[in-house]
Protein backbone atom coordinates (compact mmCIF):
# COMPACT_ATOMS: atom_id res chain seq x y z
CA MET A 1 -20.95 -15.41 -34.35
CA LYS A 2 -23.33 -12.56 -35.08
CA GLU A 3 -20.88 -10.02 -36.41
CA SER A 4 -23.68 -7.48 -37.03
CA PHE A 5 -23.98 -7.12 -33.26
CA THR A 6 -21.74 -4.89 -31.18
CA TYR A 7 -20.30 -7.02 -28.42
CA ARG A 8 -19.17 -5.31 -25.25
CA PHE A 9 -16.16 -6.45 -23.20
CA LEU A 10 -14.95 -5.20 -19.85
CA PHE A 11 -11.27 -5.79 -19.03
CA ALA A 12 -10.24 -5.44 -15.39
CA GLY A 13 -6.63 -5.59 -14.27
CA GLY A 14 -3.45 -3.66 -13.90
CA GLY A 15 -1.22 -2.48 -11.11
CA THR A 16 1.77 -3.97 -12.92
CA GLY A 17 2.62 -4.62 -16.55
CA GLY A 18 2.41 -8.35 -15.86
CA HIS A 19 -1.30 -7.99 -15.18
CA LEU A 20 -2.01 -5.24 -17.70
CA PHE A 21 -0.30 -6.24 -20.94
CA PRO A 22 -1.84 -9.72 -21.21
CA ALA A 23 -5.24 -7.98 -21.05
CA VAL A 24 -4.15 -5.57 -23.78
CA ALA A 25 -2.99 -8.48 -25.94
CA ILE A 26 -6.40 -10.16 -25.60
CA ALA A 27 -8.22 -6.90 -26.31
CA GLU A 28 -6.21 -6.44 -29.51
CA GLU A 29 -7.20 -9.92 -30.65
CA VAL A 30 -10.85 -9.35 -29.74
CA LEU A 31 -10.91 -6.32 -32.04
CA ARG A 32 -9.24 -8.31 -34.79
CA ILE A 33 -11.86 -11.05 -34.52
CA SER A 34 -14.83 -8.75 -33.91
CA PRO A 35 -13.91 -5.22 -35.05
CA LYS A 36 -17.21 -3.66 -33.98
CA SER A 37 -16.72 -4.65 -30.35
CA LYS A 38 -16.72 -2.04 -27.60
CA ILE A 39 -13.99 -2.40 -24.98
CA LEU A 40 -13.70 -0.76 -21.56
CA PHE A 41 -10.72 -1.12 -19.25
CA VAL A 42 -11.19 -0.74 -15.48
CA GLY A 43 -8.24 0.00 -13.24
CA THR A 44 -6.93 2.49 -10.70
CA LYS A 45 -5.86 6.11 -11.13
CA HIS A 46 -2.32 5.82 -9.82
CA ARG A 47 -0.95 2.65 -11.41
CA ILE A 48 0.42 1.83 -14.86
CA GLU A 49 -2.98 1.23 -16.48
CA SER A 50 -4.12 4.86 -16.07
CA ALA A 51 -1.21 6.06 -18.22
CA VAL A 52 -0.99 3.22 -20.75
CA ILE A 53 -4.61 2.42 -21.60
CA PRO A 54 -5.77 5.88 -22.77
CA LYS A 55 -2.64 6.17 -24.95
CA LEU A 56 -3.59 2.91 -26.64
CA GLY A 57 -6.98 4.37 -27.51
CA TYR A 58 -9.18 2.35 -25.15
CA ASP A 59 -11.84 3.76 -22.85
CA PHE A 60 -10.79 3.69 -19.22
CA LYS A 61 -12.65 3.99 -15.90
CA SER A 62 -11.02 4.00 -12.49
CA ILE A 63 -12.03 2.45 -9.18
CA SER A 64 -10.55 3.08 -5.73
CA ILE A 65 -9.60 -0.43 -4.68
CA LYS A 66 -6.44 -1.02 -2.64
CA GLY A 67 -4.44 -4.19 -2.26
CA MET A 68 -5.30 -6.35 0.74
CA PRO A 69 -2.79 -5.84 3.59
CA ARG A 70 -0.61 -8.86 4.34
CA LYS A 71 -0.82 -8.20 8.08
CA PHE A 72 -3.79 -7.26 10.21
CA GLY A 73 -3.61 -3.67 11.46
CA VAL A 74 -4.87 -0.15 10.92
CA SER A 75 -4.41 -0.54 7.16
CA ILE A 76 -7.19 -3.14 7.09
CA VAL A 77 -9.73 -0.37 7.80
CA SER A 78 -8.54 1.60 4.77
CA PHE A 79 -8.67 -1.56 2.66
CA LEU A 80 -12.24 -2.39 3.72
CA PHE A 81 -13.37 1.15 2.97
CA SER A 82 -11.77 0.97 -0.50
CA LEU A 83 -13.42 -2.42 -1.07
CA ILE A 84 -16.88 -1.06 -0.33
CA LEU A 85 -16.27 2.06 -2.41
CA SER A 86 -14.94 0.03 -5.35
CA LEU A 87 -17.98 -2.26 -5.20
CA ILE A 88 -20.24 0.76 -5.59
CA GLN A 89 -18.06 2.21 -8.36
CA SER A 90 -17.91 -1.15 -10.14
CA LEU A 91 -21.69 -1.52 -9.94
CA LEU A 92 -22.20 1.88 -11.57
CA ILE A 93 -19.60 1.15 -14.26
CA VAL A 94 -20.98 -2.29 -15.12
CA MET A 95 -24.61 -1.12 -15.16
CA LYS A 96 -23.74 1.74 -17.51
CA PHE A 97 -21.41 -0.17 -19.84
CA ARG A 98 -23.46 -3.42 -19.88
CA PRO A 99 -20.64 -5.83 -20.84
CA ASP A 100 -21.39 -9.16 -22.42
CA VAL A 101 -18.21 -10.62 -20.92
CA ALA A 102 -15.88 -9.35 -18.19
CA LEU A 103 -12.26 -10.53 -18.20
CA GLY A 104 -9.70 -10.29 -15.40
CA THR A 105 -5.97 -10.93 -15.47
CA GLY A 106 -5.23 -11.81 -11.88
CA SER A 107 -4.80 -8.45 -10.17
CA TYR A 108 -6.72 -7.44 -7.04
CA ILE A 109 -8.08 -4.65 -9.23
CA SER A 110 -10.17 -7.21 -11.08
CA VAL A 111 -12.09 -8.59 -8.10
CA THR A 112 -14.95 -6.11 -7.67
CA PRO A 113 -15.68 -5.42 -11.38
CA LEU A 114 -15.83 -9.15 -12.14
CA PHE A 115 -17.81 -9.99 -9.02
CA VAL A 116 -20.40 -7.34 -9.87
CA SER A 117 -20.50 -8.54 -13.48
CA LYS A 118 -21.26 -12.07 -12.33
CA VAL A 119 -23.95 -10.90 -9.92
CA LEU A 120 -25.56 -9.10 -12.86
CA ASN A 121 -25.49 -12.32 -14.88
CA ARG A 122 -22.56 -11.55 -17.13
CA SER A 123 -20.01 -14.16 -18.18
CA ILE A 124 -16.59 -13.78 -16.61
CA VAL A 125 -13.24 -15.13 -17.80
CA LEU A 126 -9.91 -15.24 -15.94
CA ALA A 127 -6.44 -15.27 -17.47
CA GLU A 128 -3.80 -16.15 -14.87
CA SER A 129 -0.21 -15.59 -15.96
CA ASN A 130 1.74 -16.83 -12.95
CA LEU A 131 2.46 -20.44 -12.09
CA TYR A 132 1.22 -19.87 -8.54
CA PRO A 133 -2.23 -18.26 -8.93
CA GLY A 134 -2.83 -15.01 -7.10
CA ILE A 135 -5.52 -14.42 -4.49
CA ALA A 136 -7.77 -12.63 -6.99
CA THR A 137 -7.80 -15.63 -9.33
CA LYS A 138 -8.46 -18.05 -6.47
CA VAL A 139 -11.34 -15.91 -5.18
CA LEU A 140 -12.98 -15.51 -8.59
CA ALA A 141 -12.31 -18.96 -10.08
CA PRO A 142 -15.38 -20.67 -8.54
CA ILE A 143 -17.72 -18.19 -10.25
CA ALA A 144 -15.82 -17.92 -13.54
CA ASN A 145 -17.07 -19.40 -16.79
CA GLN A 146 -13.49 -20.06 -17.88
CA VAL A 147 -10.03 -19.92 -16.29
CA HIS A 148 -7.06 -19.77 -18.68
CA LEU A 149 -3.69 -20.72 -17.17
CA SER A 150 -0.13 -20.36 -18.41
CA PHE A 151 1.37 -23.42 -16.71
CA GLU A 152 0.22 -27.04 -16.48
CA GLU A 153 1.46 -27.12 -12.87
CA SER A 154 -1.09 -24.43 -11.93
CA LYS A 155 -4.07 -26.78 -12.29
CA LYS A 156 -3.44 -28.36 -8.90
CA TYR A 157 -4.38 -25.11 -7.17
CA PHE A 158 -7.98 -25.27 -8.41
CA LYS A 159 -10.67 -27.54 -6.98
CA GLN A 160 -12.93 -27.36 -10.03
CA LYS A 161 -12.04 -29.37 -13.14
CA GLU A 162 -14.46 -27.86 -15.63
CA GLY A 163 -13.60 -24.65 -17.44
CA ILE A 164 -9.85 -24.83 -16.69
CA PHE A 165 -7.62 -24.44 -19.75
CA ILE A 166 -3.83 -24.39 -20.24
CA THR A 167 -3.68 -21.63 -22.82
CA GLY A 168 -0.44 -19.76 -22.19
CA ASN A 169 0.24 -16.14 -21.35
CA PRO A 170 -1.04 -13.61 -23.92
CA VAL A 171 1.68 -11.49 -25.52
CA ARG A 172 1.23 -8.55 -27.88
CA LYS A 173 2.25 -9.35 -31.45
CA ASN A 174 4.22 -6.11 -31.89
CA LEU A 175 7.02 -7.57 -29.73
CA SER A 176 8.19 -10.00 -32.40
CA ILE A 177 11.91 -10.02 -33.17
CA LYS A 178 13.02 -7.82 -36.05
CA ASN A 179 16.16 -7.61 -38.17
CA ARG A 180 19.22 -7.38 -35.87
CA SER A 181 21.03 -4.87 -38.08
CA GLU A 182 18.00 -2.58 -37.99
CA ALA A 183 17.83 -2.94 -34.21
CA ALA A 184 21.57 -2.21 -33.85
CA LYS A 185 21.15 0.97 -35.86
CA PHE A 186 18.29 2.04 -33.58
CA PHE A 187 20.50 1.71 -30.48
CA ASN A 188 23.68 2.89 -32.23
CA LEU A 189 25.37 -0.42 -31.44
CA SER A 190 27.24 -3.06 -33.45
CA PRO A 191 25.11 -5.92 -34.82
CA GLY A 192 28.09 -8.31 -34.59
CA LYS A 193 28.96 -7.93 -30.91
CA LYS A 194 27.31 -9.96 -28.15
CA THR A 195 24.72 -7.91 -26.29
CA ILE A 196 23.32 -8.20 -22.77
CA LEU A 197 19.83 -6.83 -22.14
CA VAL A 198 18.92 -5.83 -18.56
CA LEU A 199 15.29 -5.22 -17.62
CA GLY A 200 13.79 -4.36 -14.26
CA GLY A 201 10.31 -3.32 -15.27
CA SER A 202 9.00 0.12 -16.22
CA LEU A 203 9.80 1.59 -12.79
CA GLY A 204 13.01 -0.36 -12.32
CA ALA A 205 14.34 -2.98 -9.91
CA LYS A 206 16.61 -1.56 -7.21
CA SER A 207 18.64 -4.69 -6.49
CA ILE A 208 19.26 -5.43 -10.17
CA ASN A 209 20.38 -1.84 -10.75
CA GLU A 210 22.71 -2.00 -7.74
CA LYS A 211 24.31 -5.18 -9.05
CA MET A 212 24.70 -3.73 -12.54
CA LEU A 213 26.32 -0.56 -11.17
CA GLU A 214 29.05 -2.77 -9.72
CA ILE A 215 29.77 -4.73 -12.89
CA TYR A 216 28.60 -2.79 -15.96
CA SER A 217 31.97 -1.15 -16.69
CA LYS A 218 33.69 -4.56 -16.70
CA LEU A 219 31.00 -6.10 -18.88
CA THR A 220 31.13 -3.32 -21.46
CA SER A 221 34.84 -3.80 -22.01
CA ASP A 222 33.98 -6.92 -24.03
CA PHE A 223 30.21 -6.86 -24.57
CA GLN A 224 27.43 -4.45 -25.38
CA LEU A 225 24.85 -3.62 -22.74
CA ILE A 226 21.31 -2.31 -23.16
CA TRP A 227 20.12 -1.36 -19.68
CA GLN A 228 16.56 -0.35 -18.86
CA THR A 229 17.07 1.27 -15.47
CA GLY A 230 13.45 2.17 -14.80
CA ARG A 231 12.18 5.71 -14.46
CA ASN A 232 12.70 5.76 -10.69
CA TYR A 233 16.44 5.11 -10.93
CA PHE A 234 17.58 6.58 -14.23
CA ASN A 235 18.73 9.99 -13.03
CA ASP A 236 20.93 8.59 -10.26
CA ILE A 237 22.41 5.93 -12.53
CA GLU A 238 23.06 8.47 -15.27
CA LYS A 239 25.01 10.58 -12.79
CA VAL A 240 27.24 7.62 -11.96
CA ILE A 241 27.82 6.87 -15.63
CA LEU A 242 28.61 10.49 -16.42
CA GLY A 243 30.86 10.61 -13.37
CA ILE A 244 32.99 7.91 -14.92
CA TYR A 245 32.82 9.65 -18.29
CA PRO A 246 32.65 13.34 -17.27
CA ASP A 247 33.32 14.65 -20.78
CA SER A 248 30.66 12.61 -22.54
CA VAL A 249 31.23 14.23 -25.93
CA GLY A 250 33.50 11.86 -27.83
CA LYS A 251 34.00 9.69 -24.75
CA ARG A 252 30.64 8.03 -24.48
CA ASN A 253 30.85 4.36 -23.59
CA GLN A 254 30.18 2.99 -27.06
CA ASN A 255 29.05 -0.37 -25.68
CA LEU A 256 26.47 1.00 -23.24
CA VAL A 257 22.91 2.18 -23.80
CA ALA A 258 21.14 3.15 -20.56
CA LEU A 259 17.51 4.20 -20.80
CA PRO A 260 14.75 4.85 -18.25
CA TYR A 261 12.31 2.88 -20.40
CA ILE A 262 12.68 1.04 -23.70
CA GLU A 263 9.86 1.97 -26.06
CA ARG A 264 10.97 -0.45 -28.79
CA MET A 265 11.16 -3.75 -26.97
CA ASP A 266 11.06 -5.54 -30.32
CA TYR A 267 14.44 -3.98 -31.16
CA ALA A 268 15.79 -4.72 -27.67
CA TYR A 269 14.86 -8.39 -27.98
CA SER A 270 16.37 -8.46 -31.48
CA MET A 271 19.75 -7.44 -30.03
CA CYS A 272 19.58 -9.68 -26.98
CA ASP A 273 22.04 -12.56 -26.62
CA LEU A 274 21.45 -12.85 -22.87
CA LEU A 275 18.64 -11.32 -20.81
CA ILE A 276 18.93 -10.31 -17.14
CA THR A 277 15.48 -9.72 -15.69
CA ARG A 278 12.85 -10.35 -13.05
CA ALA A 279 10.55 -13.36 -13.40
CA GLY A 280 7.16 -11.69 -13.65
CA ALA A 281 4.59 -13.50 -15.75
CA SER A 282 4.58 -11.02 -18.61
CA THR A 283 8.37 -11.11 -18.94
CA ILE A 284 8.37 -14.91 -18.69
CA SER A 285 5.91 -15.19 -21.56
CA GLU A 286 7.92 -12.79 -23.71
CA ILE A 287 11.06 -14.84 -23.05
CA THR A 288 9.31 -17.99 -24.25
CA ASN A 289 7.79 -16.41 -27.33
CA GLN A 290 11.06 -14.76 -28.35
CA GLY A 291 13.22 -17.77 -27.44
CA LEU A 292 15.66 -15.85 -25.24
CA ALA A 293 18.44 -17.17 -23.00
CA SER A 294 18.11 -15.57 -19.59
CA ILE A 295 19.27 -15.21 -16.01
CA LEU A 296 16.16 -14.69 -13.90
CA ILE A 297 16.31 -12.71 -10.64
CA PRO A 298 12.91 -13.20 -8.97
CA SER A 299 11.59 -10.33 -6.90
CA PRO A 300 11.10 -11.32 -3.25
CA ASN A 301 8.57 -8.52 -2.80
CA VAL A 302 5.59 -10.10 -4.54
CA ALA A 303 2.55 -12.00 -3.30
CA GLU A 304 3.04 -15.74 -2.67
CA ASN A 305 6.63 -15.47 -3.98
CA HIS A 306 5.18 -16.22 -7.43
CA GLN A 307 8.21 -14.98 -9.37
CA TYR A 308 10.39 -17.65 -7.78
CA TYR A 309 7.95 -20.37 -8.87
CA ASN A 310 7.80 -18.87 -12.37
CA ALA A 311 11.59 -18.91 -12.60
CA MET A 312 12.03 -22.42 -11.23
CA SER A 313 9.61 -23.85 -13.79
CA PHE A 314 12.20 -22.80 -16.41
CA VAL A 315 15.33 -23.61 -14.41
CA ASN A 316 14.17 -27.17 -13.70
CA LYS A 317 14.00 -27.83 -17.44
CA GLY A 318 17.27 -26.14 -18.34
CA ALA A 319 15.53 -23.23 -20.05
CA ALA A 320 17.01 -20.48 -17.84
CA GLU A 321 19.33 -19.82 -14.94
CA ILE A 322 18.40 -18.22 -11.64
CA LEU A 323 20.12 -15.75 -9.31
CA LEU A 324 18.44 -15.03 -6.00
CA ASP A 325 17.83 -11.39 -5.22
CA ASN A 326 20.20 -11.41 -2.23
CA GLU A 327 23.09 -12.97 -4.15
CA SER A 328 26.07 -10.82 -5.09
CA ALA A 329 26.96 -8.83 -8.18
CA GLU A 330 30.09 -10.95 -8.45
CA LYS A 331 28.03 -14.10 -8.75
CA LEU A 332 25.89 -12.47 -11.42
CA MET A 333 29.06 -11.49 -13.27
CA GLU A 334 30.30 -15.09 -13.11
CA LYS A 335 27.05 -16.44 -14.54
CA ILE A 336 27.01 -13.87 -17.35
CA LEU A 337 30.60 -14.52 -18.42
CA LYS A 338 30.17 -18.30 -18.24
CA LEU A 339 27.05 -18.26 -20.40
CA LEU A 340 28.36 -15.81 -22.99
CA ALA A 341 31.46 -17.97 -23.39
CA ASP A 342 29.36 -21.08 -24.06
CA GLU A 343 27.49 -20.84 -27.36
CA ASN A 344 26.17 -24.38 -27.03
CA LYS A 345 24.64 -23.63 -23.63
CA LEU A 346 23.01 -20.43 -24.93
CA ASP A 347 21.55 -22.27 -27.92
CA GLU A 348 20.30 -25.07 -25.67
CA MET A 349 18.53 -22.59 -23.37
CA LYS A 350 16.94 -20.84 -26.34
CA GLN A 351 15.63 -24.11 -27.72
CA LYS A 352 14.30 -25.36 -24.40
CA VAL A 353 12.57 -22.09 -23.53
CA LYS A 354 10.67 -22.24 -26.82
CA GLU A 355 9.04 -25.45 -25.60
CA PHE A 356 7.07 -23.30 -23.15
CA SER A 357 5.85 -20.98 -25.90
CA LYS A 358 2.17 -20.66 -26.73
CA PRO A 359 2.23 -17.73 -29.18
CA ASP A 360 -1.48 -17.98 -29.96
CA ALA A 361 -2.64 -17.58 -26.33
CA ALA A 362 -4.16 -14.14 -26.86
CA SER A 363 -6.01 -15.30 -29.96
CA VAL A 364 -7.34 -18.45 -28.25
CA ILE A 365 -8.68 -16.51 -25.25
CA ALA A 366 -10.11 -13.77 -27.46
CA ASN A 367 -11.99 -16.36 -29.52
CA GLU A 368 -13.43 -17.86 -26.34
CA VAL A 369 -14.66 -14.55 -24.93
CA VAL A 370 -16.24 -13.58 -28.26
CA LYS A 371 -17.99 -16.97 -28.34
CA LEU A 372 -19.34 -16.36 -24.84
CA ALA A 373 -20.61 -12.96 -25.90
CA SER A 374 -22.29 -14.37 -28.99
CA LYS A 375 -24.14 -17.00 -26.93
CA ARG A 376 -25.94 -14.49 -24.75
CA TYR A 377 -26.24 -11.46 -27.01
CA ASN A 378 -29.63 -10.40 -28.35
CA GLY A 379 -28.85 -6.81 -29.27
CA GLU A 380 -31.12 -5.21 -26.69
CA GLU A 381 -30.49 -7.02 -23.41
CA ASP A 382 -30.54 -4.86 -20.33
CA PHE A 383 -30.45 -5.41 -16.59
């Protein structure tokens, strides 16, 4: 690779952390491999990427694309308008930035920037995190130079055989498990007591929070609980907690930590004996890389029901348990108590989930995109 050259990479994706953070993980590895590289993220103004990417120090440009409506109606007109507008915006962005390679992580946000990049003779790479590939990946796969998948079972959804790789889902290295005592000190908890970690994403998961509100006081009589409520639900949940403990000074529930968002996920994973969470691709990959026992509650409100397929790939091999979103808090409580009482079962789940782990996924994909850039780069190429 010609390290004297400045390679240019466009990353398109976002909308959710499951689409954004794998792209960030690859970008971090690209800069490790080729420190002089220029990176531009493309996303939308009102989703997670617009807040996260600038804080991480990357350049960011927004487009006005909307998700495709699931039903035909008036909303289709708004979608088509946004599609045309985002094509124009993507064309201007790509022509100005002149990427050597454009990479997408499965979100609808990636479609127009990658399509334009291909039209302008740039290499494009896809990284699909879910077992059941999304529409964006299916649309772009025939024109992609490479498609990197997280699950072997995903290959059957692609007609082409060339350029398909089972690489795993990229995860940022700063999530690695730390010393449990250090993590316990961070959360003001005991390192020796079993701890349940509840995650519903950065915004929160309503049904998970509703279930936890029914059972958290019983759970914290014997176990510790770290509960990421999500920013949308924290205030209401805090009011309930403080209603039970009105004089919080000196009467705080010593076994409960409720937060709108957990900044130090490495510490949270270090404390985790059992994880209660959705089954989005990013979370799934973190579970595998950290070797966590989990009860997965797939969201029913996602395209192609992909979280259910993600979860069942684990459940079928004894690497996790599943609770459907419409099942009761009592059933969740039963599963939690049964697992926490069975050390052998917890250890078995942790061992089996590690079999899914591909901790070098981000590095492998980053190496591939840098190789693609090096093949076409001449230092002065223009449109």
